PDB file of N, CA and C in Angstrom:
ATOM      1  N   UNK A   1     -34.832  29.034 -83.457  1.00  0.00           N
ATOM      2  CA  UNK A   1     -35.761  27.998 -82.992  1.00  0.00           C
ATOM      3  C   UNK A   1     -35.012  26.958 -82.173  1.00  0.00           C
ATOM      4  N   UNK A   2     -35.509  26.688 -81.035  1.00  0.00           N
ATOM      5  CA  UNK A   2     -34.852  25.710 -80.129  1.00  0.00           C
ATOM      6  C   UNK A   2     -35.587  24.407 -80.269  1.00  0.00           C
ATOM      7  N   UNK A   3     -34.884  23.346 -80.623  1.00  0.00           N
ATOM      8  CA  UNK A   3     -35.461  22.022 -80.748  1.00  0.00           C
ATOM      9  C   UNK A   3     -35.178  21.228 -79.454  1.00  0.00           C
ATOM     10  N   UNK A   4     -36.139  20.620 -78.894  1.00  0.00           N
ATOM     11  CA  UNK A   4     -35.989  19.833 -77.747  1.00  0.00           C
ATOM     12  C   UNK A   4     -35.847  18.358 -78.224  1.00  0.00           C
ATOM     13  N   UNK A   5     -34.760  17.736 -77.784  1.00  0.00           N
ATOM     14  CA  UNK A   5     -34.482  16.335 -78.095  1.00  0.00           C
ATOM     15  C   UNK A   5     -34.391  15.575 -76.860  1.00  0.00           C
ATOM     16  N   UNK A   6     -35.152  14.525 -76.799  1.00  0.00           N
ATOM     17  CA  UNK A   6     -35.132  13.643 -75.602  1.00  0.00           C
ATOM     18  C   UNK A   6     -34.630  12.315 -76.014  1.00  0.00           C
ATOM     19  N   UNK A   7     -34.008  11.586 -75.126  1.00  0.00           N
ATOM     20  CA  UNK A   7     -33.568  10.184 -75.307  1.00  0.00           C
ATOM     21  C   UNK A   7     -34.717   9.352 -74.779  1.00  0.00           C
ATOM     22  N   UNK A   8     -35.188   8.456 -75.556  1.00  0.00           N
ATOM     23  CA  UNK A   8     -36.282   7.605 -75.140  1.00  0.00           C
ATOM     24  C   UNK A   8     -35.694   6.146 -74.977  1.00  0.00           C
ATOM     25  N   UNK A   9     -35.952   5.596 -73.837  1.00  0.00           N
ATOM     26  CA  UNK A   9     -35.477   4.264 -73.557  1.00  0.00           C
ATOM     27  C   UNK A   9     -36.648   3.286 -73.679  1.00  0.00           C
ATOM     28  N   UNK A  10     -36.475   2.168 -74.330  1.00  0.00           N
ATOM     29  CA  UNK A  10     -37.543   1.189 -74.468  1.00  0.00           C
ATOM     30  C   UNK A  10     -37.017  -0.029 -73.724  1.00  0.00           C
ATOM     31  N   UNK A  11     -37.747  -0.511 -72.700  1.00  0.00           N
ATOM     32  CA  UNK A  11     -37.347  -1.600 -71.909  1.00  0.00           C
ATOM     33  C   UNK A  11     -38.316  -2.736 -72.093  1.00  0.00           C
ATOM     34  N   UNK A  12     -37.908  -3.866 -72.654  1.00  0.00           N
ATOM     35  CA  UNK A  12     -38.696  -5.102 -72.795  1.00  0.00           C
ATOM     36  C   UNK A  12     -37.729  -6.209 -72.849  1.00  0.00           C
ATOM     37  N   UNK A  13     -38.066  -7.329 -72.191  1.00  0.00           N
ATOM     38  CA  UNK A  13     -37.244  -8.481 -72.239  1.00  0.00           C
ATOM     39  C   UNK A  13     -38.051  -9.659 -72.856  1.00  0.00           C
ATOM     40  N   UNK A  14     -39.133  -9.413 -73.421  1.00  0.00           N
ATOM     41  CA  UNK A  14     -40.009 -10.478 -73.941  1.00  0.00           C
ATOM     42  C   UNK A  14     -40.499 -10.078 -75.281  1.00  0.00           C
ATOM     43  N   UNK A  15     -41.073 -10.999 -76.015  1.00  0.00           N
ATOM     44  CA  UNK A  15     -41.623 -10.733 -77.315  1.00  0.00           C
ATOM     45  C   UNK A  15     -43.134 -10.513 -77.061  1.00  0.00           C
ATOM     46  N   UNK A  16     -43.747  -9.534 -77.646  1.00  0.00           N
ATOM     47  CA  UNK A  16     -45.166  -9.406 -77.507  1.00  0.00           C
ATOM     48  C   UNK A  16     -45.842  -9.420 -78.859  1.00  0.00           C
ATOM     49  N   UNK A  17     -47.074  -9.781 -78.848  1.00  0.00           N
ATOM     50  CA  UNK A  17     -47.828  -9.911 -80.096  1.00  0.00           C
ATOM     51  C   UNK A  17     -48.484  -8.575 -80.475  1.00  0.00           C
ATOM     52  N   UNK A  18     -48.142  -8.080 -81.622  1.00  0.00           N
ATOM     53  CA  UNK A  18     -48.724  -6.824 -82.129  1.00  0.00           C
ATOM     54  C   UNK A  18     -49.185  -7.055 -83.569  1.00  0.00           C
ATOM     55  N   UNK A  19     -50.457  -6.725 -83.786  1.00  0.00           N
ATOM     56  CA  UNK A  19     -51.037  -6.867 -85.186  1.00  0.00           C
ATOM     57  C   UNK A  19     -50.801  -8.241 -85.789  1.00  0.00           C
ATOM     58  N   UNK A  20     -50.967  -9.248 -84.970  1.00  0.00           N
ATOM     59  CA  UNK A  20     -50.856 -10.636 -85.466  1.00  0.00           C
ATOM     60  C   UNK A  20     -49.440 -10.965 -85.852  1.00  0.00           C
ATOM     61  N   UNK A  21     -48.435 -10.181 -85.540  1.00  0.00           N
ATOM     62  CA  UNK A  21     -47.049 -10.439 -85.901  1.00  0.00           C
ATOM     63  C   UNK A  21     -46.267 -10.658 -84.655  1.00  0.00           C
ATOM     64  N   UNK A  22     -45.448 -11.595 -84.536  1.00  0.00           N
ATOM     65  CA  UNK A  22     -44.540 -11.775 -83.413  1.00  0.00           C
ATOM     66  C   UNK A  22     -43.404 -10.768 -83.531  1.00  0.00           C
ATOM     67  N   UNK A  23     -43.224  -9.922 -82.539  1.00  0.00           N
ATOM     68  CA  UNK A  23     -42.189  -8.920 -82.618  1.00  0.00           C
ATOM     69  C   UNK A  23     -41.251  -9.018 -81.469  1.00  0.00           C
ATOM     70  N   UNK A  24     -39.959  -9.227 -81.750  1.00  0.00           N
ATOM     71  CA  UNK A  24     -38.975  -9.203 -80.724  1.00  0.00           C
ATOM     72  C   UNK A  24     -38.648  -7.757 -80.368  1.00  0.00           C
ATOM     73  N   UNK A  25     -38.640  -7.438 -79.077  1.00  0.00           N
ATOM     74  CA  UNK A  25     -38.403  -6.102 -78.663  1.00  0.00           C
ATOM     75  C   UNK A  25     -37.178  -6.094 -77.714  1.00  0.00           C
ATOM     76  N   UNK A  26     -36.279  -5.176 -77.899  1.00  0.00           N
ATOM     77  CA  UNK A  26     -35.121  -5.104 -77.091  1.00  0.00           C
ATOM     78  C   UNK A  26     -35.012  -3.609 -76.591  1.00  0.00           C
ATOM     79  N   UNK A  27     -34.133  -3.443 -75.604  1.00  0.00           N
ATOM     80  CA  UNK A  27     -33.900  -2.076 -75.083  1.00  0.00           C
ATOM     81  C   UNK A  27     -32.954  -1.383 -76.025  1.00  0.00           C
ATOM     82  N   UNK A  28     -33.375  -0.145 -76.340  1.00  0.00           N
ATOM     83  CA  UNK A  28     -32.514   0.735 -77.199  1.00  0.00           C
ATOM     84  C   UNK A  28     -32.795   2.141 -76.780  1.00  0.00           C
ATOM     85  N   UNK A  29     -31.831   3.067 -77.086  1.00  0.00           N
ATOM     86  CA  UNK A  29     -31.963   4.429 -76.853  1.00  0.00           C
ATOM     87  C   UNK A  29     -31.756   5.143 -78.192  1.00  0.00           C
ATOM     88  N   UNK A  30     -32.651   6.096 -78.456  1.00  0.00           N
ATOM     89  CA  UNK A  30     -32.550   6.896 -79.687  1.00  0.00           C
ATOM     90  C   UNK A  30     -32.905   8.323 -79.340  1.00  0.00           C
ATOM     91  N   UNK A  31     -32.311   9.225 -80.059  1.00  0.00           N
ATOM     92  CA  UNK A  31     -32.594  10.621 -79.901  1.00  0.00           C
ATOM     93  C   UNK A  31     -33.619  11.042 -80.993  1.00  0.00           C
ATOM     94  N   UNK A  32     -34.763  11.645 -80.519  1.00  0.00           N
ATOM     95  CA  UNK A  32     -35.808  12.010 -81.457  1.00  0.00           C
ATOM     96  C   UNK A  32     -36.049  13.502 -81.342  1.00  0.00           C
ATOM     97  N   UNK A  33     -36.398  14.057 -82.498  1.00  0.00           N
ATOM     98  CA  UNK A  33     -36.952  15.428 -82.544  1.00  0.00           C
ATOM     99  C   UNK A  33     -38.393  15.248 -81.998  1.00  0.00           C
ATOM    100  N   UNK A  34     -38.670  15.762 -80.833  1.00  0.00           N
ATOM    101  CA  UNK A  34     -39.976  15.468 -80.179  1.00  0.00           C
ATOM    102  C   UNK A  34     -41.166  16.056 -80.960  1.00  0.00           C
ATOM    103  N   UNK A  35     -40.884  17.228 -81.572  1.00  0.00           N
ATOM    104  CA  UNK A  35     -42.008  17.798 -82.331  1.00  0.00           C
ATOM    105  C   UNK A  35     -42.347  16.940 -83.576  1.00  0.00           C
ATOM    106  N   UNK A  36     -41.263  16.488 -84.240  1.00  0.00           N
ATOM    107  CA  UNK A  36     -41.500  15.541 -85.377  1.00  0.00           C
ATOM    108  C   UNK A  36     -42.106  14.275 -84.930  1.00  0.00           C
ATOM    109  N   UNK A  37     -41.678  13.674 -83.816  1.00  0.00           N
ATOM    110  CA  UNK A  37     -42.259  12.408 -83.374  1.00  0.00           C
ATOM    111  C   UNK A  37     -43.693  12.585 -82.972  1.00  0.00           C
ATOM    112  N   UNK A  38     -44.053  13.764 -82.309  1.00  0.00           N
ATOM    113  CA  UNK A  38     -45.436  13.947 -81.958  1.00  0.00           C
ATOM    114  C   UNK A  38     -46.284  14.167 -83.220  1.00  0.00           C
ATOM    115  N   UNK A  39     -45.807  14.836 -84.211  1.00  0.00           N
ATOM    116  CA  UNK A  39     -46.526  15.003 -85.493  1.00  0.00           C
ATOM    117  C   UNK A  39     -46.696  13.654 -86.171  1.00  0.00           C
ATOM    118  N   UNK A  40     -45.745  12.777 -86.111  1.00  0.00           N
ATOM    119  CA  UNK A  40     -45.816  11.437 -86.652  1.00  0.00           C
ATOM    120  C   UNK A  40     -46.939  10.643 -85.934  1.00  0.00           C
ATOM    121  N   UNK A  41     -47.023  10.811 -84.634  1.00  0.00           N
ATOM    122  CA  UNK A  41     -48.087  10.117 -83.894  1.00  0.00           C
ATOM    123  C   UNK A  41     -49.460  10.572 -84.388  1.00  0.00           C
ATOM    124  N   UNK A  42     -49.673  11.811 -84.608  1.00  0.00           N
ATOM    125  CA  UNK A  42     -50.938  12.342 -85.106  1.00  0.00           C
ATOM    126  C   UNK A  42     -51.201  11.874 -86.567  1.00  0.00           C
ATOM    127  N   UNK A  43     -50.175  12.046 -87.417  1.00  0.00           N
ATOM    128  CA  UNK A  43     -50.364  11.698 -88.879  1.00  0.00           C
ATOM    129  C   UNK A  43     -50.675  10.249 -89.070  1.00  0.00           C
ATOM    130  N   UNK A  44     -49.936   9.351 -88.256  1.00  0.00           N
ATOM    131  CA  UNK A  44     -50.091   7.894 -88.393  1.00  0.00           C
ATOM    132  C   UNK A  44     -51.297   7.388 -87.618  1.00  0.00           C
ATOM    133  N   UNK A  45     -51.846   8.167 -86.743  1.00  0.00           N
ATOM    134  CA  UNK A  45     -53.044   7.817 -85.922  1.00  0.00           C
ATOM    135  C   UNK A  45     -52.729   6.710 -84.898  1.00  0.00           C
ATOM    136  N   UNK A  46     -51.552   6.771 -84.342  1.00  0.00           N
ATOM    137  CA  UNK A  46     -51.128   5.781 -83.323  1.00  0.00           C
ATOM    138  C   UNK A  46     -51.162   6.517 -81.960  1.00  0.00           C
ATOM    139  N   UNK A  47     -50.875   5.627 -80.899  1.00  0.00           N
ATOM    140  CA  UNK A  47     -51.007   6.174 -79.518  1.00  0.00           C
ATOM    141  C   UNK A  47     -49.741   6.666 -78.968  1.00  0.00           C
ATOM    142  N   UNK A  48     -48.585   6.311 -79.445  1.00  0.00           N
ATOM    143  CA  UNK A  48     -47.331   6.584 -78.788  1.00  0.00           C
ATOM    144  C   UNK A  48     -46.207   6.901 -79.814  1.00  0.00           C
ATOM    145  N   UNK A  49     -45.147   7.491 -79.373  1.00  0.00           N
ATOM    146  CA  UNK A  49     -43.992   7.748 -80.216  1.00  0.00           C
ATOM    147  C   UNK A  49     -43.358   6.421 -80.589  1.00  0.00           C
ATOM    148  N   UNK A  50     -43.341   5.524 -79.661  1.00  0.00           N
ATOM    149  CA  UNK A  50     -42.761   4.106 -79.972  1.00  0.00           C
ATOM    150  C   UNK A  50     -43.499   3.451 -81.101  1.00  0.00           C
ATOM    151  N   UNK A  51     -44.830   3.537 -81.016  1.00  0.00           N
ATOM    152  CA  UNK A  51     -45.659   2.924 -82.064  1.00  0.00           C
ATOM    153  C   UNK A  51     -45.397   3.658 -83.410  1.00  0.00           C
ATOM    154  N   UNK A  52     -45.283   4.920 -83.349  1.00  0.00           N
ATOM    155  CA  UNK A  52     -45.037   5.757 -84.554  1.00  0.00           C
ATOM    156  C   UNK A  52     -43.684   5.290 -85.222  1.00  0.00           C
ATOM    157  N   UNK A  53     -42.743   5.112 -84.362  1.00  0.00           N
ATOM    158  CA  UNK A  53     -41.383   4.658 -84.899  1.00  0.00           C
ATOM    159  C   UNK A  53     -41.531   3.275 -85.528  1.00  0.00           C
ATOM    160  N   UNK A  54     -42.280   2.392 -84.883  1.00  0.00           N
ATOM    161  CA  UNK A  54     -42.442   0.986 -85.484  1.00  0.00           C
ATOM    162  C   UNK A  54     -43.184   1.068 -86.774  1.00  0.00           C
ATOM    163  N   UNK A  55     -44.228   1.896 -86.887  1.00  0.00           N
ATOM    164  CA  UNK A  55     -45.022   1.984 -88.117  1.00  0.00           C
ATOM    165  C   UNK A  55     -44.104   2.546 -89.175  1.00  0.00           C
ATOM    166  N   UNK A  56     -43.377   3.585 -88.908  1.00  0.00           N
ATOM    167  CA  UNK A  56     -42.503   4.251 -89.827  1.00  0.00           C
ATOM    168  C   UNK A  56     -41.463   3.275 -90.355  1.00  0.00           C
ATOM    169  N   UNK A  57     -40.902   2.513 -89.463  1.00  0.00           N
ATOM    170  CA  UNK A  57     -39.853   1.523 -89.892  1.00  0.00           C
ATOM    171  C   UNK A  57     -40.451   0.519 -90.842  1.00  0.00           C
ATOM    172  N   UNK A  58     -41.673  -0.033 -90.458  1.00  0.00           N
ATOM    173  CA  UNK A  58     -42.276  -1.030 -91.339  1.00  0.00           C
ATOM    174  C   UNK A  58     -42.620  -0.419 -92.687  1.00  0.00           C
ATOM    175  N   UNK A  59     -43.038   0.826 -92.740  1.00  0.00           N
ATOM    176  CA  UNK A  59     -43.396   1.469 -93.992  1.00  0.00           C
ATOM    177  C   UNK A  59     -42.178   1.644 -94.882  1.00  0.00           C
ATOM    178  N   UNK A  60     -41.028   2.136 -94.338  1.00  0.00           N
ATOM    179  CA  UNK A  60     -39.861   2.296 -95.105  1.00  0.00           C
ATOM    180  C   UNK A  60     -39.278   1.005 -95.609  1.00  0.00           C
ATOM    181  N   UNK A  61     -39.368  -0.066 -94.824  1.00  0.00           N
ATOM    182  CA  UNK A  61     -38.855  -1.354 -95.243  1.00  0.00           C
ATOM    183  C   UNK A  61     -39.747  -1.872 -96.388  1.00  0.00           C
ATOM    184  N   UNK A  62     -41.074  -1.738 -96.266  1.00  0.00           N
ATOM    185  CA  UNK A  62     -42.009  -2.151 -97.299  1.00  0.00           C
ATOM    186  C   UNK A  62     -41.758  -1.370 -98.633  1.00  0.00           C
ATOM    187  N   UNK A  63     -41.537  -0.059 -98.448  1.00  0.00           N
ATOM    188  CA  UNK A  63     -41.322   0.747 -99.654  1.00  0.00           C
ATOM    189  C   UNK A  63     -40.070   0.407-100.366  1.00  0.00           C
ATOM    190  N   UNK A  64     -39.003   0.154 -99.612  1.00  0.00           N
ATOM    191  CA  UNK A  64     -37.729  -0.269-100.258  1.00  0.00           C
ATOM    192  C   UNK A  64     -37.850  -1.660-100.942  1.00  0.00           C
ATOM    193  N   UNK A  65     -38.586  -2.574-100.262  1.00  0.00           N
ATOM    194  CA  UNK A  65     -38.801  -3.892-100.928  1.00  0.00           C
ATOM    195  C   UNK A  65     -39.587  -3.741-102.206  1.00  0.00           C
ATOM    196  N   UNK A  66     -40.662  -2.922-102.192  1.00  0.00           N
ATOM    197  CA  UNK A  66     -41.474  -2.639-103.344  1.00  0.00           C
ATOM    198  C   UNK A  66     -40.610  -2.033-104.506  1.00  0.00           C
ATOM    199  N   UNK A  67     -39.854  -1.026-104.207  1.00  0.00           N
ATOM    200  CA  UNK A  67     -39.004  -0.428-105.206  1.00  0.00           C
ATOM    201  C   UNK A  67     -38.028  -1.446-105.775  1.00  0.00           C
ATOM    202  N   UNK A  68     -37.470  -2.314-105.013  1.00  0.00           N
ATOM    203  CA  UNK A  68     -36.486  -3.307-105.435  1.00  0.00           C
ATOM    204  C   UNK A  68     -37.253  -4.306-106.359  1.00  0.00           C
ATOM    205  N   UNK A  69     -38.430  -4.716-105.901  1.00  0.00           N
ATOM    206  CA  UNK A  69     -39.255  -5.642-106.793  1.00  0.00           C
ATOM    207  C   UNK A  69     -39.578  -5.002-108.093  1.00  0.00           C
ATOM    208  N   UNK A  70     -40.016  -3.757-108.136  1.00  0.00           N
ATOM    209  CA  UNK A  70     -40.333  -3.040-109.334  1.00  0.00           C
ATOM    210  C   UNK A  70     -39.149  -2.864-110.311  1.00  0.00           C
ATOM    211  N   UNK A  71     -37.927  -2.575-109.685  1.00  0.00           N
ATOM    212  CA  UNK A  71     -36.740  -2.418-110.474  1.00  0.00           C
ATOM    213  C   UNK A  71     -36.357  -3.725-111.082  1.00  0.00           C
ATOM    214  N   UNK A  72     -36.434  -4.848-110.295  1.00  0.00           N
ATOM    215  CA  UNK A  72     -36.058  -6.133-110.769  1.00  0.00           C
ATOM    216  C   UNK A  72     -36.926  -6.591-111.895  1.00  0.00           C
ATOM    217  N   UNK A  73     -38.243  -6.193-111.882  1.00  0.00           N
ATOM    218  CA  UNK A  73     -39.247  -6.636-112.842  1.00  0.00           C
ATOM    219  C   UNK A  73     -39.657  -5.549-113.835  1.00  0.00           C
ATOM    220  N   UNK A  74     -38.762  -4.520-113.998  1.00  0.00           N
ATOM    221  CA  UNK A  74     -39.099  -3.426-114.897  1.00  0.00           C
ATOM    222  C   UNK A  74     -39.363  -3.902-116.320  1.00  0.00           C
ATOM    223  N   UNK A  75     -40.472  -3.520-116.855  1.00  0.00           N
ATOM    224  CA  UNK A  75     -40.861  -3.857-118.180  1.00  0.00           C
ATOM    225  C   UNK A  75     -41.338  -5.292-118.379  1.00  0.00           C
ATOM    226  N   UNK A  76     -41.386  -6.089-117.347  1.00  0.00           N
ATOM    227  CA  UNK A  76     -41.748  -7.474-117.399  1.00  0.00           C
ATOM    228  C   UNK A  76     -43.222  -7.681-116.910  1.00  0.00           C
ATOM    229  N   UNK A  77     -43.790  -6.686-116.276  1.00  0.00           N
ATOM    230  CA  UNK A  77     -45.148  -6.836-115.746  1.00  0.00           C
ATOM    231  C   UNK A  77     -46.119  -6.049-116.541  1.00  0.00           C
ATOM    232  N   UNK A  78     -47.382  -6.614-116.545  1.00  0.00           N
ATOM    233  CA  UNK A  78     -48.437  -5.854-117.206  1.00  0.00           C
ATOM    234  C   UNK A  78     -49.584  -5.822-116.232  1.00  0.00           C
ATOM    235  N   UNK A  79     -50.353  -4.738-116.329  1.00  0.00           N
ATOM    236  CA  UNK A  79     -51.471  -4.553-115.393  1.00  0.00           C
ATOM    237  C   UNK A  79     -52.724  -4.307-116.221  1.00  0.00           C
ATOM    238  N   UNK A  80     -53.796  -4.908-115.754  1.00  0.00           N
ATOM    239  CA  UNK A  80     -55.096  -4.742-116.452  1.00  0.00           C
ATOM    240  C   UNK A  80     -56.202  -4.570-115.398  1.00  0.00           C
ATOM    241  N   UNK A  81     -57.179  -3.829-115.843  1.00  0.00           N
ATOM    242  CA  UNK A  81     -58.316  -3.580-114.944  1.00  0.00           C
ATOM    243  C   UNK A  81     -59.180  -4.863-114.769  1.00  0.00           C
ATOM    244  N   UNK A  82     -60.062  -4.918-113.809  1.00  0.00           N
ATOM    245  CA  UNK A  82     -60.907  -5.999-113.538  1.00  0.00           C
ATOM    246  C   UNK A  82     -61.808  -6.282-114.769  1.00  0.00           C
ATOM    247  N   UNK A  83     -61.814  -7.510-115.263  1.00  0.00           N
ATOM    248  CA  UNK A  83     -62.619  -7.905-116.364  1.00  0.00           C
ATOM    249  C   UNK A  83     -62.054  -7.548-117.791  1.00  0.00           C
ATOM    250  N   UNK A  84     -60.791  -7.104-117.814  1.00  0.00           N
ATOM    251  CA  UNK A  84     -60.247  -6.807-119.145  1.00  0.00           C
ATOM    252  C   UNK A  84     -59.425  -7.933-119.651  1.00  0.00           C
TER     253      UNK A  84
END
């Protein structure tokens, strides 16, 4: 199986507003498995590979922060349903 890998360059010299968050954008080059990147675009429901990378990065950072929070508070938290 032959994998096609492209280098994608992102060119921006300004910060643009995305989803009510101020995001600093810089030029960078990364090598992506294009088939995986295209699948991520479909699965995440976004319009571009760049947006898929941004969503994936936000998700992994949020997941790591959540795991760290849960580990730090292990056994200290209790959860109850509404009205209990």
